[in-house]
Amino acid sequence: MYWRLFITFVKIGMFTIGGGYAMIPLIEREVVNRGWLNKQDFIDLFAVTQSLPGIFAVNISIFVGFKLKRVKGSIVCALGTILPSFFIILAIALFFNRFQDNVWVMKVFNGIRPAVVALILVPCITAAQAVKLKRAELIFPLAGAVLIWKAGVSPAYIVLAGIAGGLAYTFWIKDKIRKDKG
């Protein structure tokens, strides 16, 4: 099982261009299709790891590894995620001066950028569908995204606001609505 975990996360680390968020669809497909996590567990895991400091892809690989094989699984999955990037960056650093101004290299990276945006958008839509957001509720994730993007608010504060909002809804607003109907 450890070897399978390692190879799976090496594959994820090797074939995902664009960083942690671009890895989400591939990580989800690998761990959900293999039955290591169900879709809801993956979405919950995504929410937790998103709010933690550190490299997102490493955080999620550590959590998946821990859920499956505890501490050793965490280490194996983290190494599988990190090693491909480490060796790719090392190779780029060694040869950077040779191709930094190469027109074809720049064109390749310009072509990759829109694909990375799509790779990041897919898990957002999947998560919204999985938690069954209604149209009226879309304002919350959109407002959170705008606050992070434009106002520079830390994602941790958005998560804390979501927790506070969820608690307020559960304990006060939902109860008040139920009493008003009853």
C-alpha atoms as a PDB file:
ATOM      1  CA  MET A   1       0.000   0.000   0.000  1.00  0.00           C
ATOM      2  CA  TYR A   2       2.849   2.417   0.790  1.00  0.00           C
ATOM      3  CA  TRP A   3       4.368   1.923  -2.643  1.00  0.00           C
ATOM      4  CA  ARG A   4       0.982   2.540  -4.295  1.00  0.00           C
ATOM      5  CA  LEU A   5       0.527   5.736  -2.266  1.00  0.00           C
ATOM      6  CA  PHE A   6       4.016   6.928  -3.167  1.00  0.00           C
ATOM      7  CA  ILE A   7       3.630   6.226  -6.900  1.00  0.00           C
ATOM      8  CA  THR A   8       0.179   7.840  -6.962  1.00  0.00           C
ATOM      9  CA  PHE A   9       1.471  11.057  -5.410  1.00  0.00           C
ATOM     10  CA  VAL A  10       4.631  11.036  -7.542  1.00  0.00           C
ATOM     11  CA  LYS A  11       2.351  10.870 -10.591  1.00  0.00           C
ATOM     12  CA  ILE A  12       0.268  13.736  -9.220  1.00  0.00           C
ATOM     13  CA  GLY A  13       3.403  15.755  -8.500  1.00  0.00           C
ATOM     14  CA  MET A  14       4.951  15.052 -11.902  1.00  0.00           C
ATOM     15  CA  PHE A  15       2.024  15.653 -14.180  1.00  0.00           C
ATOM     16  CA  THR A  16       0.347  18.638 -12.628  1.00  0.00           C
ATOM     17  CA  ILE A  17       1.563  21.981 -13.856  1.00  0.00           C
ATOM     18  CA  GLY A  18       0.423  25.084 -12.040  1.00  0.00           C
ATOM     19  CA  GLY A  19       0.941  24.256  -8.397  1.00  0.00           C
ATOM     20  CA  GLY A  20      -1.234  22.998  -5.590  1.00  0.00           C
ATOM     21  CA  TYR A  21      -4.633  24.152  -6.777  1.00  0.00           C
ATOM     22  CA  ALA A  22      -4.073  22.774 -10.247  1.00  0.00           C
ATOM     23  CA  MET A  23      -3.435  19.390  -8.595  1.00  0.00           C
ATOM     24  CA  ILE A  24      -6.889  19.229  -7.006  1.00  0.00           C
ATOM     25  CA  PRO A  25      -8.754  17.520  -9.880  1.00  0.00           C
ATOM     26  CA  LEU A  26      -6.023  14.906 -10.253  1.00  0.00           C
ATOM     27  CA  ILE A  27      -5.752  14.284  -6.496  1.00  0.00           C
ATOM     28  CA  GLU A  28      -9.530  14.013  -6.255  1.00  0.00           C
ATOM     29  CA  ARG A  29      -9.757  11.598  -9.171  1.00  0.00           C
ATOM     30  CA  GLU A  30      -6.941   9.419  -7.847  1.00  0.00           C
ATOM     31  CA  VAL A  31      -8.062   9.162  -4.219  1.00  0.00           C
ATOM     32  CA  VAL A  32     -11.828   8.997  -4.854  1.00  0.00           C
ATOM     33  CA  ASN A  33     -11.677   6.566  -7.796  1.00  0.00           C
ATOM     34  CA  ARG A  34      -9.369   4.267  -5.838  1.00  0.00           C
ATOM     35  CA  GLY A  35     -11.851   4.309  -2.974  1.00  0.00           C
ATOM     36  CA  TRP A  36      -9.326   5.778  -0.552  1.00  0.00           C
ATOM     37  CA  LEU A  37     -11.761   8.604   0.259  1.00  0.00           C
ATOM     38  CA  ASN A  38     -15.341   9.243  -0.733  1.00  0.00           C
ATOM     39  CA  LYS A  39     -16.257  12.489  -2.476  1.00  0.00           C
ATOM     40  CA  GLN A  40     -17.630  14.160   0.671  1.00  0.00           C
ATOM     41  CA  ASP A  41     -14.535  13.231   2.699  1.00  0.00           C
ATOM     42  CA  PHE A  42     -12.371  14.710  -0.050  1.00  0.00           C
ATOM     43  CA  ILE A  43     -14.357  17.961  -0.031  1.00  0.00           C
ATOM     44  CA  ASP A  44     -14.095  18.158   3.762  1.00  0.00           C
ATOM     45  CA  LEU A  45     -10.378  17.447   3.535  1.00  0.00           C
ATOM     46  CA  PHE A  46     -10.034  20.130   0.867  1.00  0.00           C
ATOM     47  CA  ALA A  47     -11.715  22.677   3.161  1.00  0.00           C
ATOM     48  CA  VAL A  48      -9.466  21.822   6.098  1.00  0.00           C
ATOM     49  CA  THR A  49      -6.203  21.803   4.149  1.00  0.00           C
ATOM     50  CA  GLN A  50      -7.132  25.045   2.399  1.00  0.00           C
ATOM     51  CA  SER A  51      -7.248  26.819   5.751  1.00  0.00           C
ATOM     52  CA  LEU A  52      -3.867  25.533   6.978  1.00  0.00           C
ATOM     53  CA  PRO A  53      -0.546  27.293   6.470  1.00  0.00           C
ATOM     54  CA  GLY A  54       1.921  25.666   4.123  1.00  0.00           C
ATOM     55  CA  ILE A  55       1.921  24.175   0.666  1.00  0.00           C
ATOM     56  CA  PHE A  56      -1.604  23.074  -0.184  1.00  0.00           C
ATOM     57  CA  ALA A  57      -0.680  19.990  -2.227  1.00  0.00           C
ATOM     58  CA  VAL A  58       1.646  18.755   0.505  1.00  0.00           C
ATOM     59  CA  ASN A  59      -0.983  19.402   3.191  1.00  0.00           C
ATOM     60  CA  ILE A  60      -3.624  17.420   1.328  1.00  0.00           C
ATOM     61  CA  SER A  61      -1.207  14.567   0.573  1.00  0.00           C
ATOM     62  CA  ILE A  62      -0.267  14.398   4.265  1.00  0.00           C
ATOM     63  CA  PHE A  63      -3.925  14.211   5.276  1.00  0.00           C
ATOM     64  CA  VAL A  64      -4.713  11.523   2.700  1.00  0.00           C
ATOM     65  CA  GLY A  65      -1.682   9.516   3.802  1.00  0.00           C
ATOM     66  CA  PHE A  66      -2.598   9.885   7.455  1.00  0.00           C
ATOM     67  CA  LYS A  67      -6.201   8.848   6.870  1.00  0.00           C
ATOM     68  CA  LEU A  68      -5.040   5.706   5.090  1.00  0.00           C
ATOM     69  CA  LYS A  69      -1.817   4.692   6.852  1.00  0.00           C
ATOM     70  CA  ARG A  70      -1.245   7.126   9.726  1.00  0.00           C
ATOM     71  CA  VAL A  71       2.192   8.766  10.151  1.00  0.00           C
ATOM     72  CA  LYS A  72       4.085   6.526   7.703  1.00  0.00           C
ATOM     73  CA  GLY A  73       1.394   7.120   5.086  1.00  0.00           C
ATOM     74  CA  SER A  74       1.698  10.875   5.615  1.00  0.00           C
ATOM     75  CA  ILE A  75       5.441  10.772   5.078  1.00  0.00           C
ATOM     76  CA  VAL A  76       5.164   8.575   1.976  1.00  0.00           C
ATOM     77  CA  CYS A  77       2.481  10.764   0.373  1.00  0.00           C
ATOM     78  CA  ALA A  78       4.305  13.999   1.205  1.00  0.00           C
ATOM     79  CA  LEU A  79       7.544  12.697  -0.314  1.00  0.00           C
ATOM     80  CA  GLY A  80       5.673  11.520  -3.388  1.00  0.00           C
ATOM     81  CA  THR A  81       4.218  14.996  -3.834  1.00  0.00           C
ATOM     82  CA  ILE A  82       7.431  16.920  -3.144  1.00  0.00           C
ATOM     83  CA  LEU A  83      10.122  14.914  -4.940  1.00  0.00           C
ATOM     84  CA  PRO A  84       8.984  15.468  -8.554  1.00  0.00           C
ATOM     85  CA  SER A  85       8.811  19.237  -8.045  1.00  0.00           C
ATOM     86  CA  PHE A  86      12.157  19.230  -6.288  1.00  0.00           C
ATOM     87  CA  PHE A  87      13.899  17.447  -9.159  1.00  0.00           C
ATOM     88  CA  ILE A  88      12.128  19.496 -11.839  1.00  0.00           C
ATOM     89  CA  ILE A  89      13.075  22.771 -10.120  1.00  0.00           C
ATOM     90  CA  LEU A  90      16.629  21.515  -9.650  1.00  0.00           C
ATOM     91  CA  ALA A  91      16.887  20.707 -13.378  1.00  0.00           C
ATOM     92  CA  ILE A  92      15.420  24.084 -14.333  1.00  0.00           C
ATOM     93  CA  ALA A  93      17.854  25.868 -12.009  1.00  0.00           C
ATOM     94  CA  LEU A  94      20.791  24.022 -13.543  1.00  0.00           C
ATOM     95  CA  PHE A  95      19.806  24.939 -17.110  1.00  0.00           C
ATOM     96  CA  PHE A  96      17.887  28.199 -16.581  1.00  0.00           C
ATOM     97  CA  ASN A  97      20.487  30.447 -18.205  1.00  0.00           C
ATOM     98  CA  ARG A  98      20.340  28.390 -21.402  1.00  0.00           C
ATOM     99  CA  PHE A  99      16.618  28.742 -22.048  1.00  0.00           C
ATOM    100  CA  GLN A 100      15.330  31.694 -20.000  1.00  0.00           C
ATOM    101  CA  ASP A 101      15.008  33.887 -23.102  1.00  0.00           C
ATOM    102  CA  ASN A 102      13.934  31.117 -25.480  1.00  0.00           C
ATOM    103  CA  VAL A 103      10.827  32.239 -27.365  1.00  0.00           C
ATOM    104  CA  TRP A 104       9.410  28.715 -27.573  1.00  0.00           C
ATOM    105  CA  VAL A 105       9.736  28.159 -23.840  1.00  0.00           C
ATOM    106  CA  MET A 106       7.904  31.436 -23.190  1.00  0.00           C
ATOM    107  CA  LYS A 107       5.159  30.445 -25.661  1.00  0.00           C
ATOM    108  CA  VAL A 108       4.715  27.090 -23.930  1.00  0.00           C
ATOM    109  CA  PHE A 109       4.272  28.779 -20.552  1.00  0.00           C
ATOM    110  CA  ASN A 110       1.874  31.334 -22.030  1.00  0.00           C
ATOM    111  CA  GLY A 111      -0.198  28.448 -23.369  1.00  0.00           C
ATOM    112  CA  ILE A 112      -0.175  26.606 -20.058  1.00  0.00           C
ATOM    113  CA  ARG A 113      -1.519  29.537 -17.997  1.00  0.00           C
ATOM    114  CA  PRO A 114      -5.157  29.393 -19.220  1.00  0.00           C
ATOM    115  CA  ALA A 115      -5.213  25.628 -18.715  1.00  0.00           C
ATOM    116  CA  VAL A 116      -4.077  26.111 -15.124  1.00  0.00           C
ATOM    117  CA  VAL A 117      -6.965  28.523 -14.513  1.00  0.00           C
ATOM    118  CA  ALA A 118      -9.380  25.859 -15.760  1.00  0.00           C
ATOM    119  CA  LEU A 119      -7.754  23.230 -13.535  1.00  0.00           C
ATOM    120  CA  ILE A 120      -8.245  25.489 -10.525  1.00  0.00           C
ATOM    121  CA  LEU A 121     -11.854  26.331 -11.432  1.00  0.00           C
ATOM    122  CA  VAL A 122     -13.018  22.707 -11.811  1.00  0.00           C
ATOM    123  CA  PRO A 123     -12.681  21.727  -8.119  1.00  0.00           C
ATOM    124  CA  CYS A 124     -14.412  24.949  -7.093  1.00  0.00           C
ATOM    125  CA  ILE A 125     -17.438  24.051  -9.206  1.00  0.00           C
ATOM    126  CA  THR A 126     -17.293  20.432  -8.030  1.00  0.00           C
ATOM    127  CA  ALA A 127     -17.208  21.520  -4.378  1.00  0.00           C
ATOM    128  CA  ALA A 128     -20.133  23.918  -4.898  1.00  0.00           C
ATOM    129  CA  GLN A 129     -22.164  21.117  -6.482  1.00  0.00           C
ATOM    130  CA  ALA A 130     -21.198  18.614  -3.789  1.00  0.00           C
ATOM    131  CA  VAL A 131     -22.343  20.842  -0.940  1.00  0.00           C
ATOM    132  CA  LYS A 132     -25.492  21.633  -2.938  1.00  0.00           C
ATOM    133  CA  LEU A 133     -25.140  25.406  -2.847  1.00  0.00           C
ATOM    134  CA  LYS A 134     -28.287  27.210  -3.864  1.00  0.00           C
ATOM    135  CA  ARG A 135     -28.054  30.276  -6.074  1.00  0.00           C
ATOM    136  CA  ALA A 136     -28.717  32.601  -3.145  1.00  0.00           C
ATOM    137  CA  GLU A 137     -25.881  30.963  -1.202  1.00  0.00           C
ATOM    138  CA  LEU A 138     -23.333  31.546  -3.971  1.00  0.00           C
ATOM    139  CA  ILE A 139     -22.854  35.062  -2.617  1.00  0.00           C
ATOM    140  CA  PHE A 140     -20.812  33.683   0.297  1.00  0.00           C
ATOM    141  CA  PRO A 141     -18.043  31.894  -1.619  1.00  0.00           C
ATOM    142  CA  LEU A 142     -17.971  34.684  -4.206  1.00  0.00           C
ATOM    143  CA  ALA A 143     -17.687  37.348  -1.493  1.00  0.00           C
ATOM    144  CA  GLY A 144     -14.961  35.318   0.201  1.00  0.00           C
ATOM    145  CA  ALA A 145     -13.046  34.995  -3.067  1.00  0.00           C
ATOM    146  CA  VAL A 146     -13.301  38.730  -3.740  1.00  0.00           C
ATOM    147  CA  LEU A 147     -12.164  39.563  -0.195  1.00  0.00           C
ATOM    148  CA  ILE A 148      -9.142  37.293  -0.568  1.00  0.00           C
ATOM    149  CA  TRP A 149      -8.328  38.411  -4.096  1.00  0.00           C
ATOM    150  CA  LYS A 150      -8.990  42.152  -4.009  1.00  0.00           C
ATOM    151  CA  ALA A 151      -8.761  43.084  -0.318  1.00  0.00           C
ATOM    152  CA  GLY A 152      -5.953  40.694   0.595  1.00  0.00           C
ATOM    153  CA  VAL A 153      -7.925  39.113   3.447  1.00  0.00           C
ATOM    154  CA  SER A 154      -6.312  35.940   4.743  1.00  0.00           C
ATOM    155  CA  PRO A 155      -8.178  32.735   3.800  1.00  0.00           C
ATOM    156  CA  ALA A 156      -8.016  31.799   7.490  1.00  0.00           C
ATOM    157  CA  TYR A 157     -10.295  34.758   8.306  1.00  0.00           C
ATOM    158  CA  ILE A 158     -12.714  33.692   5.591  1.00  0.00           C
ATOM    159  CA  VAL A 159     -12.804  30.178   7.069  1.00  0.00           C
ATOM    160  CA  LEU A 160     -13.369  31.608  10.570  1.00  0.00           C
ATOM    161  CA  ALA A 161     -16.171  33.816   9.237  1.00  0.00           C
ATOM    162  CA  GLY A 162     -17.704  30.747   7.578  1.00  0.00           C
ATOM    163  CA  ILE A 163     -17.545  28.843  10.855  1.00  0.00           C
ATOM    164  CA  ALA A 164     -19.135  31.749  12.724  1.00  0.00           C
ATOM    165  CA  GLY A 165     -21.821  32.101  10.056  1.00  0.00           C
ATOM    166  CA  GLY A 166     -22.553  28.383  10.090  1.00  0.00           C
ATOM    167  CA  LEU A 167     -22.845  28.338  13.875  1.00  0.00           C
ATOM    168  CA  ALA A 168     -25.058  31.427  13.879  1.00  0.00           C
ATOM    169  CA  TYR A 169     -27.311  29.904  11.247  1.00  0.00           C
ATOM    170  CA  THR A 170     -27.497  26.544  13.004  1.00  0.00           C
ATOM    171  CA  PHE A 171     -28.145  27.809  16.508  1.00  0.00           C
ATOM    172  CA  TRP A 172     -30.090  31.050  16.032  1.00  0.00           C
ATOM    173  CA  ILE A 173     -31.406  31.769  12.577  1.00  0.00           C
ATOM    174  CA  LYS A 174     -32.539  28.247  11.669  1.00  0.00           C
ATOM    175  CA  ASP A 175     -34.196  27.894  15.086  1.00  0.00           C
ATOM    176  CA  LYS A 176     -35.951  31.261  14.668  1.00  0.00           C
ATOM    177  CA  ILE A 177     -37.223  30.298  11.196  1.00  0.00           C
ATOM    178  CA  ARG A 178     -38.536  27.009  12.570  1.00  0.00           C
ATOM    179  CA  LYS A 179     -40.343  28.802  15.435  1.00  0.00           C
ATOM    180  CA  ASP A 180     -41.865  31.356  13.046  1.00  0.00           C
ATOM    181  CA  LYS A 181     -43.233  28.564  10.823  1.00  0.00           C
ATOM    182  CA  GLY A 182     -44.478  26.480  13.774  1.00  0.00           C
END
